[in-house]
Amino acid sequence: MIDRSLSDPDLEGTVRVVSASATHVGHVRATNEDSLLTATPIHLVADGMGGHNAGEVASAIAVEEFEKLTLQQNVTVEQLGDALHTASVRIGELGGESTLGAGTTVALVATMVLDGIGYWVVMNLGDSRVYRLSGEIFEQVSVDHSVVQELMDRGEISAEQARIHPYRHMVTRALGAGPESDPDYWLIPAEVGDRMLICSDGLTGEVDDASIERMLRRPTDVRTIAEDLVRRALDGGGHDNISVVIVEAVEVLGQPGASEDTAGGTSPAEDEFEVDEDTLPRPLADGEGRA
């Protein structure tokens, strides 16, 4: 029997998706240090840190390294790890006073096919998040690498207290900043209709999980939902940069009705979006966030 592993995906076939993104500088910060990527098989949010230029340079480097994997249908965990390592080295080599202390979070969703079955691969480093909506299930897949998460894990504060804690923006792991840069990974079977949300803490700091779930369940296209989530965060205060990527599975290998080669055939969702559309972040106009 052939031993198949996460590092040995099928080369042909993939999970067919539609995706959309939206980003906004917010009402307080002068620049947007978030960078986004949504190009199959990689969908990513990187939240830069370190101040003007440093954070935006670090997050842009992360996107540049993972974008190199978008020339193929599927990825391996080893490839994701290599891209993260290369980005970390590049960020560490940044010189100049303006980029001292540069770092970034990285949260991503990628697609993989193993033994003819489609999967989501989730990777997280920092406090940007990945949520999954699948049928009746709504869950935060990623676990925050943050001081408040550690305090909650020890039972010292509640989730409500964490939202207003003075250290709520302090991360314990990040790319290029701090001693730890090891990410967490999850492998989740994909199902048609799944919606995966990748977001910076500019969203989750202003919009609670119940509201996020309600908006993800709306029977409308992912682009509208992405833009509405950003507007909701702006209405909540917009104290940070806000970035959102939503990925929806429209055809999954290994499920009834899925074709052997997902490059052929159509899905009802294609009437709303071009499948695998590379949707660039769409900044909202400064006045759009307010009613």
Protein backbone atom coordinates (compact mmCIF):
# COMPACT_ATOMS: atom_id res chain seq x y z
CA MET A 1 0.00 0.00 0.00
CA ILE A 2 1.27 3.47 -0.88
CA ASP A 3 1.81 5.67 2.14
CA ARG A 4 0.11 8.97 1.29
CA SER A 5 0.94 12.00 3.43
CA LEU A 6 0.18 15.68 3.54
CA SER A 7 3.36 16.20 1.54
CA ASP A 8 2.14 14.01 -1.34
CA PRO A 9 -1.09 15.44 -2.73
CA ASP A 10 -2.71 14.47 -6.01
CA LEU A 11 -1.34 16.55 -8.87
CA GLU A 12 -4.59 16.68 -10.81
CA GLY A 13 -7.95 18.02 -9.70
CA THR A 14 -8.72 20.55 -7.04
CA VAL A 15 -11.48 22.06 -4.96
CA ARG A 16 -13.30 24.59 -7.15
CA VAL A 17 -14.01 27.81 -5.31
CA VAL A 18 -15.26 31.34 -5.61
CA SER A 19 -13.56 33.98 -3.50
CA ALA A 20 -13.68 37.65 -2.69
CA SER A 21 -11.85 40.11 -0.47
CA ALA A 22 -12.26 43.57 1.00
CA THR A 23 -9.97 45.79 3.03
CA HIS A 24 -10.06 49.22 4.65
CA VAL A 25 -7.58 51.33 6.58
CA GLY A 26 -10.18 52.01 9.28
CA HIS A 27 -11.04 55.27 11.00
CA VAL A 28 -7.93 55.65 13.16
CA ARG A 29 -4.76 54.47 11.45
CA ALA A 30 -3.00 56.49 8.75
CA THR A 31 -1.95 53.54 6.58
CA ASN A 32 -3.17 50.03 5.83
CA GLU A 33 -0.52 47.51 6.85
CA ASP A 34 -2.65 44.48 5.90
CA SER A 35 -1.88 42.53 2.71
CA LEU A 36 -4.20 40.00 1.05
CA LEU A 37 -3.91 37.20 -1.46
CA THR A 38 -6.78 35.30 -3.03
CA ALA A 39 -5.60 33.19 -5.96
CA THR A 40 -6.24 29.45 -5.98
CA PRO A 41 -4.93 27.49 -4.20
CA ILE A 42 -3.88 30.16 -1.66
CA HIS A 43 -6.16 32.58 0.19
CA LEU A 44 -4.34 34.65 2.80
CA VAL A 45 -4.49 37.63 5.16
CA ALA A 46 -1.27 39.08 6.57
CA ASP A 47 -1.58 41.77 9.27
CA GLY A 48 1.65 43.75 9.40
CA MET A 49 3.11 45.18 12.58
CA GLY A 50 5.97 47.43 13.53
CA GLY A 51 4.68 50.81 12.51
CA HIS A 52 4.46 52.67 9.22
CA ASN A 53 6.37 50.98 6.39
CA ALA A 54 7.70 48.18 8.59
CA GLY A 55 4.36 46.40 8.90
CA GLU A 56 3.23 46.93 5.34
CA VAL A 57 6.59 45.76 3.99
CA ALA A 58 6.50 42.62 6.13
CA SER A 59 2.96 41.68 5.14
CA ALA A 60 3.72 42.35 1.46
CA ILE A 61 6.73 40.02 1.65
CA ALA A 62 4.53 37.26 3.07
CA VAL A 63 2.10 37.65 0.16
CA GLU A 64 4.94 37.65 -2.38
CA GLU A 65 6.31 34.33 -1.11
CA PHE A 66 2.95 32.54 -0.95
CA GLU A 67 1.91 33.95 -4.32
CA LYS A 68 4.62 31.79 -5.89
CA LEU A 69 2.48 28.74 -5.02
CA THR A 70 -0.50 29.97 -7.03
CA LEU A 71 0.91 28.64 -10.30
CA GLN A 72 -0.18 25.13 -9.25
CA GLN A 73 -3.53 23.49 -8.42
CA ASN A 74 -2.63 22.11 -5.01
CA VAL A 75 -0.08 22.71 -2.29
CA THR A 76 1.79 20.62 0.23
CA VAL A 77 2.32 21.46 3.87
CA GLU A 78 6.05 21.42 3.17
CA GLN A 79 5.59 24.08 0.51
CA LEU A 80 3.59 26.24 2.90
CA GLY A 81 6.31 25.86 5.51
CA ASP A 82 9.03 26.71 3.00
CA ALA A 83 7.19 29.86 1.87
CA LEU A 84 6.78 30.93 5.49
CA HIS A 85 10.46 30.32 6.21
CA THR A 86 11.62 32.27 3.16
CA ALA A 87 9.36 35.17 4.09
CA SER A 88 10.73 35.12 7.64
CA VAL A 89 14.31 35.26 6.39
CA ARG A 90 13.52 38.16 4.04
CA ILE A 91 11.77 40.11 6.80
CA GLY A 92 14.68 39.47 9.14
CA GLU A 93 17.09 40.87 6.56
CA LEU A 94 15.23 44.16 6.25
CA GLY A 95 17.56 47.03 6.99
CA GLY A 96 17.02 50.64 7.78
CA GLU A 97 15.44 52.47 10.67
CA SER A 98 11.98 52.50 9.06
CA THR A 99 11.70 48.69 9.00
CA LEU A 100 13.15 47.85 12.42
CA GLY A 101 10.79 45.54 14.29
CA ALA A 102 8.92 44.57 11.13
CA GLY A 103 6.64 41.57 11.46
CA THR A 104 3.33 40.15 10.32
CA THR A 105 0.68 37.62 11.17
CA VAL A 106 -0.26 35.06 8.53
CA ALA A 107 -3.59 33.27 8.30
CA LEU A 108 -4.41 31.24 5.21
CA VAL A 109 -6.68 28.66 3.66
CA ALA A 110 -5.34 26.48 0.85
CA THR A 111 -6.85 23.59 -1.12
CA MET A 112 -5.41 20.10 -1.35
CA VAL A 113 -6.52 16.79 -2.87
CA LEU A 114 -5.53 13.51 -1.20
CA ASP A 115 -6.63 10.13 -2.57
CA GLY A 116 -9.28 11.85 -4.68
CA ILE A 117 -10.75 13.78 -1.75
CA GLY A 118 -10.73 17.58 -1.49
CA TYR A 119 -9.49 19.23 1.69
CA TRP A 120 -9.01 22.65 3.21
CA VAL A 121 -5.56 23.27 4.67
CA VAL A 122 -5.59 26.00 7.32
CA MET A 123 -2.40 27.62 8.58
CA ASN A 124 -2.15 30.30 11.26
CA LEU A 125 0.59 32.35 12.84
CA GLY A 126 -0.48 35.23 15.08
CA ASP A 127 -3.95 36.54 15.88
CA SER A 128 -5.52 36.83 12.43
CA ARG A 129 -8.24 34.18 12.21
CA VAL A 130 -9.83 31.51 10.07
CA TYR A 131 -13.50 30.61 10.53
CA ARG A 132 -15.45 27.78 8.87
CA LEU A 133 -19.15 27.68 8.04
CA SER A 134 -20.19 24.18 6.96
CA GLY A 135 -23.85 23.22 7.15
CA GLU A 136 -24.94 23.68 10.75
CA ILE A 137 -21.34 24.09 11.90
CA PHE A 138 -19.80 27.48 12.53
CA GLU A 139 -16.42 27.49 14.23
CA GLN A 140 -13.19 29.36 14.66
CA VAL A 141 -10.64 26.93 13.24
CA SER A 142 -7.48 28.82 14.12
CA VAL A 143 -6.29 29.48 17.66
CA ASP A 144 -4.97 32.95 18.43
CA HIS A 145 -1.30 33.22 19.32
CA SER A 146 -1.85 36.06 21.76
CA VAL A 147 -1.45 37.03 25.38
CA VAL A 148 -5.22 37.18 25.98
CA GLN A 149 -5.69 33.70 24.47
CA GLU A 150 -3.14 32.32 26.91
CA LEU A 151 -4.93 34.08 29.77
CA MET A 152 -8.25 32.56 28.64
CA ASP A 153 -6.67 29.11 28.33
CA ARG A 154 -5.56 29.40 31.95
CA GLY A 155 -9.03 30.52 33.01
CA GLU A 156 -7.80 33.90 34.22
CA ILE A 157 -10.10 35.98 32.01
CA SER A 158 -13.31 35.40 30.07
CA ALA A 159 -13.87 35.91 26.35
CA GLU A 160 -15.79 39.09 27.15
CA GLN A 161 -12.90 40.41 29.23
CA ALA A 162 -10.46 39.51 26.45
CA ARG A 163 -12.24 41.85 24.03
CA ILE A 164 -11.35 44.88 26.15
CA HIS A 165 -8.11 43.67 27.77
CA PRO A 166 -5.20 46.17 27.46
CA TYR A 167 -3.00 43.39 26.00
CA ARG A 168 -5.56 42.18 23.46
CA HIS A 169 -3.35 43.21 20.51
CA MET A 170 -0.19 41.61 21.87
CA VAL A 171 0.73 38.49 19.88
CA THR A 172 2.98 35.72 21.13
CA ARG A 173 3.95 34.42 17.69
CA ALA A 174 4.50 36.32 14.48
CA LEU A 175 6.52 36.17 11.28
CA GLY A 176 9.71 38.18 11.60
CA ALA A 177 8.94 39.55 15.07
CA GLY A 178 9.46 37.79 18.36
CA PRO A 179 11.19 34.53 19.25
CA GLU A 180 8.51 32.13 17.97
CA SER A 181 7.40 31.75 14.38
CA ASP A 182 6.05 28.19 14.27
CA PRO A 183 2.57 28.05 12.70
CA ASP A 184 -0.33 25.75 13.48
CA TYR A 185 -1.92 23.59 10.74
CA TRP A 186 -5.31 21.95 10.30
CA LEU A 187 -6.54 19.59 7.55
CA ILE A 188 -10.32 19.63 7.10
CA PRO A 189 -12.43 17.71 4.52
CA ALA A 190 -14.11 20.23 2.25
CA GLU A 191 -17.82 20.13 1.42
CA VAL A 192 -19.77 21.90 -1.27
CA GLY A 193 -21.18 25.12 0.18
CA ASP A 194 -18.44 25.53 2.79
CA ARG A 195 -17.52 29.14 3.44
CA MET A 196 -14.09 29.86 4.89
CA LEU A 197 -13.42 33.31 6.33
CA ILE A 198 -9.88 34.63 6.78
CA CYS A 199 -9.65 37.97 8.58
CA SER A 200 -7.41 40.33 10.49
CA ASP A 201 -8.18 41.29 14.07
CA GLY A 202 -9.53 44.57 12.76
CA LEU A 203 -12.71 42.63 12.02
CA THR A 204 -12.92 40.44 15.12
CA GLY A 205 -12.07 43.35 17.42
CA GLU A 206 -15.25 45.14 16.29
CA VAL A 207 -17.67 42.36 15.24
CA ASP A 208 -18.62 39.43 17.49
CA ASP A 209 -18.74 35.81 16.31
CA ALA A 210 -22.55 35.64 16.36
CA SER A 211 -22.77 38.56 13.94
CA ILE A 212 -20.08 37.08 11.72
CA GLU A 213 -21.99 33.79 11.54
CA ARG A 214 -25.26 35.52 10.65
CA MET A 215 -23.61 37.41 7.83
CA LEU A 216 -21.82 34.34 6.45
CA ARG A 217 -25.13 32.47 6.37
CA ARG A 218 -26.79 35.09 4.20
CA PRO A 219 -27.84 33.65 0.80
CA THR A 220 -25.86 36.19 -1.18
CA ASP A 221 -22.54 36.25 -2.99
CA VAL A 222 -19.25 36.23 -1.12
CA ARG A 223 -18.17 39.61 -2.47
CA THR A 224 -21.19 41.34 -0.95
CA ILE A 225 -20.66 39.57 2.37
CA ALA A 226 -16.96 40.51 2.46
CA GLU A 227 -17.74 44.17 1.87
CA ASP A 228 -20.59 44.14 4.40
CA LEU A 229 -18.34 42.61 7.08
CA VAL A 230 -15.84 45.41 6.58
CA ARG A 231 -18.62 48.00 6.80
CA ARG A 232 -19.87 46.40 10.02
CA ALA A 233 -16.37 46.68 11.53
CA LEU A 234 -16.21 50.33 10.46
CA ASP A 235 -19.58 50.99 12.05
CA GLY A 236 -18.24 49.33 15.23
CA GLY A 237 -15.42 51.85 15.45
CA GLY A 238 -12.85 50.84 12.85
CA HIS A 239 -9.97 51.22 15.29
CA ASP A 240 -7.62 49.05 13.20
CA ASN A 241 -7.03 48.05 9.59
CA ILE A 242 -9.78 45.65 8.52
CA SER A 243 -9.25 42.84 6.01
CA VAL A 244 -11.53 39.99 4.97
CA VAL A 245 -11.21 37.09 2.53
CA ILE A 246 -14.08 34.66 1.96
CA VAL A 247 -13.69 31.38 0.05
CA GLU A 248 -16.69 29.22 -0.91
CA ALA A 249 -16.44 25.65 -2.24
CA VAL A 250 -18.61 25.13 -5.34
CA GLU A 251 -17.32 21.66 -6.31
CA VAL A 252 -15.35 19.17 -4.23
CA LEU A 253 -13.67 15.96 -5.36
CA GLY A 254 -14.92 12.84 -3.61
CA GLN A 255 -18.47 14.10 -3.13
CA PRO A 256 -21.54 12.86 -5.03
CA GLY A 257 -21.89 14.71 -8.30
CA ALA A 258 -18.30 15.90 -8.40
CA SER A 259 -16.49 15.27 -11.64
CA GLU A 260 -13.21 13.39 -11.72
CA ASP A 261 -11.53 16.39 -13.31
CA THR A 262 -12.85 19.56 -11.77
CA ALA A 263 -11.47 21.56 -14.65
CA GLY A 264 -14.63 20.59 -16.54
CA GLY A 265 -18.30 21.05 -15.78
CA THR A 266 -20.10 23.98 -14.21
CA SER A 267 -21.69 24.88 -10.94
CA PRO A 268 -24.75 27.01 -10.23
CA ALA A 269 -22.49 29.37 -8.27
CA GLU A 270 -20.65 30.22 -11.48
CA ASP A 271 -23.63 32.32 -12.51
CA GLU A 272 -22.64 34.73 -9.72
CA PHE A 273 -18.86 34.53 -9.96
CA GLU A 274 -16.22 33.29 -12.33
CA VAL A 275 -14.77 30.21 -10.65
CA ASP A 276 -11.30 30.73 -9.20
CA GLU A 277 -11.56 34.44 -9.88
CA ASP A 278 -8.54 36.30 -8.57
CA THR A 279 -10.42 39.05 -6.79
CA LEU A 280 -8.13 41.86 -5.69
CA PRO A 281 -8.84 43.57 -2.36
CA ARG A 282 -11.46 46.24 -2.92
CA PRO A 283 -10.86 49.24 -0.63
CA LEU A 284 -14.11 50.84 0.44
CA ALA A 285 -14.46 54.56 0.02
CA ASP A 286 -13.80 56.50 3.20
CA GLY A 287 -17.45 57.38 3.63
CA GLU A 288 -18.90 53.98 2.84
CA GLY A 289 -18.56 52.56 6.32
CA ARG A 290 -21.08 54.87 7.93
CA ALA A 291 -24.84 54.75 7.63
